[in-house]
């Protein structure tokens, strides 16, 4: 059986774990989670770097405060822009007060005419991750395709600790991350 055939069940399992974990966070815990750049990420976020993030959906780990901290350090921000399941994902420039539009899959994204950027650092959402820094995404492959052509961009998965799997099934197109940031740790090679 191809590895991708077991992924839908893993997505259901880890979304449920994530939803339950977030629902049971105390307000103070939720407020401080992902509220500042950890030292390894702060060292990467130097003036002029382009940092791409995303607008969290549901119980996804929210990188909004990380993006704000990167902007304060002089980084330019970008968000993903998607038009369909099969179209390539682009990263478009975004500032905190710029309006967002509704995209497919419940995404909030910059307006289509925002400048396209090539990020130096990509904060990546995920459903699950493992110790090899592999991620299980939503299933459309947008991030795997984008990361495969971004070259030297540094990919950092943003997740709750409960999203760590013992190991994940891999397909040839799955792209590893360079690091994972959870509410309690920085995991890197």
C-alpha atoms as a PDB file:
ATOM      1  CA  UNK A   1       0.000   0.000   0.000  1.00  0.00           C
ATOM      2  CA  UNK A   2       1.452   3.439  -0.900  1.00  0.00           C
ATOM      3  CA  UNK A   3       2.357   5.536   2.116  1.00  0.00           C
ATOM      4  CA  UNK A   4      -0.064   8.261   1.027  1.00  0.00           C
ATOM      5  CA  UNK A   5      -2.983   5.822   1.549  1.00  0.00           C
ATOM      6  CA  UNK A   6      -2.463   5.836   5.346  1.00  0.00           C
ATOM      7  CA  UNK A   7      -2.091   9.600   5.584  1.00  0.00           C
ATOM      8  CA  UNK A   8      -5.831  10.501   5.678  1.00  0.00           C
ATOM      9  CA  UNK A   9      -6.332   8.473   8.876  1.00  0.00           C
ATOM     10  CA  UNK A  10      -3.232  10.010  10.440  1.00  0.00           C
ATOM     11  CA  UNK A  11      -4.569  13.476   9.575  1.00  0.00           C
ATOM     12  CA  UNK A  12      -7.860  12.703  11.340  1.00  0.00           C
ATOM     13  CA  UNK A  13      -6.029  11.337  14.397  1.00  0.00           C
ATOM     14  CA  UNK A  14      -3.617  14.264  14.757  1.00  0.00           C
ATOM     15  CA  UNK A  15      -6.234  16.939  14.061  1.00  0.00           C
ATOM     16  CA  UNK A  16      -8.344  15.452  16.865  1.00  0.00           C
ATOM     17  CA  UNK A  17      -5.325  15.388  19.217  1.00  0.00           C
ATOM     18  CA  UNK A  18      -4.491  18.994  18.313  1.00  0.00           C
ATOM     19  CA  UNK A  19      -8.101  20.159  18.726  1.00  0.00           C
ATOM     20  CA  UNK A  20      -8.351  18.492  22.150  1.00  0.00           C
ATOM     21  CA  UNK A  21      -4.978  19.874  23.283  1.00  0.00           C
ATOM     22  CA  UNK A  22      -5.838  23.444  22.277  1.00  0.00           C
ATOM     23  CA  UNK A  23      -9.335  23.221  23.778  1.00  0.00           C
ATOM     24  CA  UNK A  24      -7.780  22.292  27.121  1.00  0.00           C
ATOM     25  CA  UNK A  25      -5.079  24.990  27.210  1.00  0.00           C
ATOM     26  CA  UNK A  26      -5.401  27.494  30.019  1.00  0.00           C
ATOM     27  CA  UNK A  27      -5.769  31.073  28.794  1.00  0.00           C
ATOM     28  CA  UNK A  28      -2.314  32.004  30.089  1.00  0.00           C
ATOM     29  CA  UNK A  29      -0.742  29.073  28.270  1.00  0.00           C
ATOM     30  CA  UNK A  30      -2.455  29.983  25.035  1.00  0.00           C
ATOM     31  CA  UNK A  31      -1.399  33.627  25.360  1.00  0.00           C
ATOM     32  CA  UNK A  32       2.312  32.901  25.747  1.00  0.00           C
ATOM     33  CA  UNK A  33       2.534  30.109  23.176  1.00  0.00           C
ATOM     34  CA  UNK A  34       4.580  31.236  20.167  1.00  0.00           C
ATOM     35  CA  UNK A  35       4.729  34.748  21.630  1.00  0.00           C
ATOM     36  CA  UNK A  36       8.414  35.436  20.957  1.00  0.00           C
ATOM     37  CA  UNK A  37      11.150  34.293  18.628  1.00  0.00           C
ATOM     38  CA  UNK A  38      13.317  31.572  20.174  1.00  0.00           C
ATOM     39  CA  UNK A  39      17.030  32.342  19.961  1.00  0.00           C
ATOM     40  CA  UNK A  40      17.794  30.117  16.926  1.00  0.00           C
ATOM     41  CA  UNK A  41      14.961  31.707  14.940  1.00  0.00           C
ATOM     42  CA  UNK A  42      15.771  35.219  16.162  1.00  0.00           C
ATOM     43  CA  UNK A  43      19.322  34.781  14.850  1.00  0.00           C
ATOM     44  CA  UNK A  44      17.887  34.065  11.395  1.00  0.00           C
ATOM     45  CA  UNK A  45      15.452  36.991  11.424  1.00  0.00           C
ATOM     46  CA  UNK A  46      17.853  39.777  10.539  1.00  0.00           C
ATOM     47  CA  UNK A  47      16.906  43.039   8.815  1.00  0.00           C
ATOM     48  CA  UNK A  48      16.037  42.567   5.169  1.00  0.00           C
ATOM     49  CA  UNK A  49      15.202  38.865   5.419  1.00  0.00           C
ATOM     50  CA  UNK A  50      11.873  37.755   4.003  1.00  0.00           C
ATOM     51  CA  UNK A  51       9.829  35.673   6.431  1.00  0.00           C
ATOM     52  CA  UNK A  52       6.736  33.848   5.193  1.00  0.00           C
ATOM     53  CA  UNK A  53       4.109  32.696   7.624  1.00  0.00           C
ATOM     54  CA  UNK A  54       0.427  31.836   7.448  1.00  0.00           C
ATOM     55  CA  UNK A  55      -2.867  32.773   9.071  1.00  0.00           C
ATOM     56  CA  UNK A  56      -3.803  29.936  11.421  1.00  0.00           C
ATOM     57  CA  UNK A  57      -7.030  28.043  10.858  1.00  0.00           C
ATOM     58  CA  UNK A  58      -8.847  26.462  13.782  1.00  0.00           C
ATOM     59  CA  UNK A  59      -6.465  24.864  16.280  1.00  0.00           C
ATOM     60  CA  UNK A  60      -3.325  25.293  14.160  1.00  0.00           C
ATOM     61  CA  UNK A  61      -0.367  26.803  16.014  1.00  0.00           C
ATOM     62  CA  UNK A  62      -0.618  30.534  15.340  1.00  0.00           C
ATOM     63  CA  UNK A  63       2.572  32.253  14.100  1.00  0.00           C
ATOM     64  CA  UNK A  64       1.082  35.786  14.242  1.00  0.00           C
ATOM     65  CA  UNK A  65       3.257  36.931  17.164  1.00  0.00           C
ATOM     66  CA  UNK A  66       6.350  35.362  15.567  1.00  0.00           C
ATOM     67  CA  UNK A  67       5.653  37.278  12.363  1.00  0.00           C
ATOM     68  CA  UNK A  68       5.158  40.501  14.317  1.00  0.00           C
ATOM     69  CA  UNK A  69       8.472  39.955  16.105  1.00  0.00           C
ATOM     70  CA  UNK A  70      10.227  39.292  12.770  1.00  0.00           C
ATOM     71  CA  UNK A  71       8.771  42.520  11.351  1.00  0.00           C
ATOM     72  CA  UNK A  72      10.004  44.431  14.402  1.00  0.00           C
ATOM     73  CA  UNK A  73      13.489  43.092  13.649  1.00  0.00           C
ATOM     74  CA  UNK A  74      13.324  44.562  10.131  1.00  0.00           C
ATOM     75  CA  UNK A  75      12.115  41.514   8.204  1.00  0.00           C
ATOM     76  CA  UNK A  76       9.696  41.737   5.293  1.00  0.00           C
ATOM     77  CA  UNK A  77       6.650  39.489   5.696  1.00  0.00           C
ATOM     78  CA  UNK A  78       4.857  37.288   3.197  1.00  0.00           C
ATOM     79  CA  UNK A  79       1.869  34.959   3.298  1.00  0.00           C
ATOM     80  CA  UNK A  80       0.943  32.092   0.993  1.00  0.00           C
ATOM     81  CA  UNK A  81      -1.395  32.710  -1.889  1.00  0.00           C
ATOM     82  CA  UNK A  82      -3.286  29.747  -3.362  1.00  0.00           C
ATOM     83  CA  UNK A  83      -5.846  29.642  -6.156  1.00  0.00           C
ATOM     84  CA  UNK A  84      -6.604  25.900  -6.400  1.00  0.00           C
ATOM     85  CA  UNK A  85      -5.501  22.465  -5.229  1.00  0.00           C
ATOM     86  CA  UNK A  86      -3.249  21.987  -8.242  1.00  0.00           C
ATOM     87  CA  UNK A  87      -1.894  25.499  -8.730  1.00  0.00           C
ATOM     88  CA  UNK A  88       1.507  26.378  -7.286  1.00  0.00           C
ATOM     89  CA  UNK A  89       1.498  28.291  -4.032  1.00  0.00           C
ATOM     90  CA  UNK A  90       3.106  31.720  -4.215  1.00  0.00           C
ATOM     91  CA  UNK A  91       4.261  33.931  -1.377  1.00  0.00           C
ATOM     92  CA  UNK A  92       2.953  37.494  -1.524  1.00  0.00           C
ATOM     93  CA  UNK A  93       4.125  40.460   0.519  1.00  0.00           C
ATOM     94  CA  UNK A  94       1.983  41.319   3.507  1.00  0.00           C
ATOM     95  CA  UNK A  95       2.054  43.805   6.390  1.00  0.00           C
ATOM     96  CA  UNK A  96       0.087  43.360   9.593  1.00  0.00           C
ATOM     97  CA  UNK A  97      -2.556  45.943   8.685  1.00  0.00           C
ATOM     98  CA  UNK A  98      -2.957  44.897   5.041  1.00  0.00           C
ATOM     99  CA  UNK A  99      -6.403  43.510   4.257  1.00  0.00           C
ATOM    100  CA  UNK A 100      -6.688  39.806   3.562  1.00  0.00           C
ATOM    101  CA  UNK A 101      -9.043  38.048   1.194  1.00  0.00           C
ATOM    102  CA  UNK A 102     -10.649  34.652   1.458  1.00  0.00           C
ATOM    103  CA  UNK A 103      -8.858  31.941  -0.478  1.00  0.00           C
ATOM    104  CA  UNK A 104      -9.615  28.289  -1.104  1.00  0.00           C
ATOM    105  CA  UNK A 105      -9.576  25.766   1.769  1.00  0.00           C
ATOM    106  CA  UNK A 106     -10.527  28.465   4.304  1.00  0.00           C
ATOM    107  CA  UNK A 107      -7.268  30.361   3.811  1.00  0.00           C
ATOM    108  CA  UNK A 108      -6.865  34.054   4.502  1.00  0.00           C
ATOM    109  CA  UNK A 109      -4.356  35.470   2.043  1.00  0.00           C
ATOM    110  CA  UNK A 110      -3.018  38.741   0.642  1.00  0.00           C
ATOM    111  CA  UNK A 111      -4.714  40.388  -2.300  1.00  0.00           C
ATOM    112  CA  UNK A 112      -3.673  38.878  -5.629  1.00  0.00           C
ATOM    113  CA  UNK A 113      -1.860  42.045  -6.748  1.00  0.00           C
ATOM    114  CA  UNK A 114       0.570  42.093  -3.777  1.00  0.00           C
ATOM    115  CA  UNK A 115       4.236  41.693  -4.827  1.00  0.00           C
ATOM    116  CA  UNK A 116       5.485  38.113  -5.060  1.00  0.00           C
ATOM    117  CA  UNK A 117       8.500  37.365  -2.849  1.00  0.00           C
ATOM    118  CA  UNK A 118      10.979  34.511  -2.376  1.00  0.00           C
ATOM    119  CA  UNK A 119      11.135  33.860   1.366  1.00  0.00           C
ATOM    120  CA  UNK A 120      14.390  33.274   3.212  1.00  0.00           C
ATOM    121  CA  UNK A 121      12.477  31.670   6.088  1.00  0.00           C
ATOM    122  CA  UNK A 122       9.149  29.848   5.782  1.00  0.00           C
ATOM    123  CA  UNK A 123       7.023  29.186   8.868  1.00  0.00           C
ATOM    124  CA  UNK A 124       5.107  26.085   7.871  1.00  0.00           C
ATOM    125  CA  UNK A 125       1.789  24.817   9.274  1.00  0.00           C
ATOM    126  CA  UNK A 126       1.385  21.093   9.727  1.00  0.00           C
ATOM    127  CA  UNK A 127      -0.874  18.371  11.021  1.00  0.00           C
ATOM    128  CA  UNK A 128       1.909  16.161  12.448  1.00  0.00           C
ATOM    129  CA  UNK A 129       5.698  15.931  12.510  1.00  0.00           C
ATOM    130  CA  UNK A 130       8.339  13.413  13.535  1.00  0.00           C
ATOM    131  CA  UNK A 131      11.893  13.407  14.900  1.00  0.00           C
ATOM    132  CA  UNK A 132      13.283  13.303  11.351  1.00  0.00           C
ATOM    133  CA  UNK A 133      11.647  16.731  10.801  1.00  0.00           C
ATOM    134  CA  UNK A 134       9.202  15.330   8.299  1.00  0.00           C
ATOM    135  CA  UNK A 135       5.724  16.819   8.277  1.00  0.00           C
ATOM    136  CA  UNK A 136       2.254  15.643   7.499  1.00  0.00           C
ATOM    137  CA  UNK A 137       0.374  18.500   5.886  1.00  0.00           C
ATOM    138  CA  UNK A 138      -3.211  18.996   4.796  1.00  0.00           C
ATOM    139  CA  UNK A 139      -2.784  16.758   1.770  1.00  0.00           C
ATOM    140  CA  UNK A 140      -2.745  19.113  -1.206  1.00  0.00           C
ATOM    141  CA  UNK A 141       1.062  19.194  -1.424  1.00  0.00           C
ATOM    142  CA  UNK A 142       1.318  22.984  -1.689  1.00  0.00           C
ATOM    143  CA  UNK A 143       4.145  23.315   0.832  1.00  0.00           C
ATOM    144  CA  UNK A 144       6.065  20.291  -0.467  1.00  0.00           C
ATOM    145  CA  UNK A 145       5.975  21.731  -3.984  1.00  0.00           C
ATOM    146  CA  UNK A 146       6.887  25.228  -2.793  1.00  0.00           C
ATOM    147  CA  UNK A 147       9.755  24.044  -0.585  1.00  0.00           C
ATOM    148  CA  UNK A 148      11.133  21.917  -3.412  1.00  0.00           C
ATOM    149  CA  UNK A 149      11.752  25.016  -5.544  1.00  0.00           C
ATOM    150  CA  UNK A 150      12.712  27.540  -2.869  1.00  0.00           C
ATOM    151  CA  UNK A 151      16.308  26.357  -2.732  1.00  0.00           C
ATOM    152  CA  UNK A 152      18.073  27.833   0.292  1.00  0.00           C
ATOM    153  CA  UNK A 153      14.962  28.898   2.192  1.00  0.00           C
ATOM    154  CA  UNK A 154      14.842  27.671   5.780  1.00  0.00           C
ATOM    155  CA  UNK A 155      11.623  25.812   6.575  1.00  0.00           C
ATOM    156  CA  UNK A 156      10.439  25.857  10.199  1.00  0.00           C
ATOM    157  CA  UNK A 157       7.360  23.860  11.130  1.00  0.00           C
ATOM    158  CA  UNK A 158       5.103  25.516  13.711  1.00  0.00           C
ATOM    159  CA  UNK A 159       3.166  23.004  15.803  1.00  0.00           C
ATOM    160  CA  UNK A 160       1.875  22.047  19.197  1.00  0.00           C
ATOM    161  CA  UNK A 161       3.997  19.405  20.961  1.00  0.00           C
ATOM    162  CA  UNK A 162       1.074  16.953  20.879  1.00  0.00           C
ATOM    163  CA  UNK A 163       1.433  16.846  17.081  1.00  0.00           C
ATOM    164  CA  UNK A 164       4.686  14.860  17.257  1.00  0.00           C
ATOM    165  CA  UNK A 165       4.355  11.382  15.802  1.00  0.00           C
ATOM    166  CA  UNK A 166       6.718   8.499  16.451  1.00  0.00           C
ATOM    167  CA  UNK A 167       7.330   8.348  12.705  1.00  0.00           C
ATOM    168  CA  UNK A 168       5.416   9.366   9.619  1.00  0.00           C
ATOM    169  CA  UNK A 169       4.896   7.518   6.368  1.00  0.00           C
ATOM    170  CA  UNK A 170       6.923   9.147   3.622  1.00  0.00           C
ATOM    171  CA  UNK A 171       6.288   9.582  -0.059  1.00  0.00           C
ATOM    172  CA  UNK A 172       9.035  10.576  -2.516  1.00  0.00           C
ATOM    173  CA  UNK A 173       7.684  14.135  -2.813  1.00  0.00           C
ATOM    174  CA  UNK A 174       7.627  14.849   0.949  1.00  0.00           C
ATOM    175  CA  UNK A 175      10.056  17.637   1.873  1.00  0.00           C
ATOM    176  CA  UNK A 176      11.827  17.693   5.252  1.00  0.00           C
ATOM    177  CA  UNK A 177      11.846  20.762   7.439  1.00  0.00           C
ATOM    178  CA  UNK A 178      14.959  22.394   8.861  1.00  0.00           C
ATOM    179  CA  UNK A 179      13.444  22.806  12.332  1.00  0.00           C
ATOM    180  CA  UNK A 180      10.232  22.538  14.329  1.00  0.00           C
ATOM    181  CA  UNK A 181       9.043  25.071  16.891  1.00  0.00           C
ATOM    182  CA  UNK A 182       6.476  23.928  19.443  1.00  0.00           C
ATOM    183  CA  UNK A 183       5.094  25.791  22.443  1.00  0.00           C
ATOM    184  CA  UNK A 184       7.810  24.124  24.525  1.00  0.00           C
ATOM    185  CA  UNK A 185      10.818  23.379  22.309  1.00  0.00           C
ATOM    186  CA  UNK A 186      12.975  24.044  19.275  1.00  0.00           C
ATOM    187  CA  UNK A 187      13.862  20.862  17.393  1.00  0.00           C
ATOM    188  CA  UNK A 188      16.510  20.967  14.685  1.00  0.00           C
ATOM    189  CA  UNK A 189      19.089  18.788  12.962  1.00  0.00           C
END
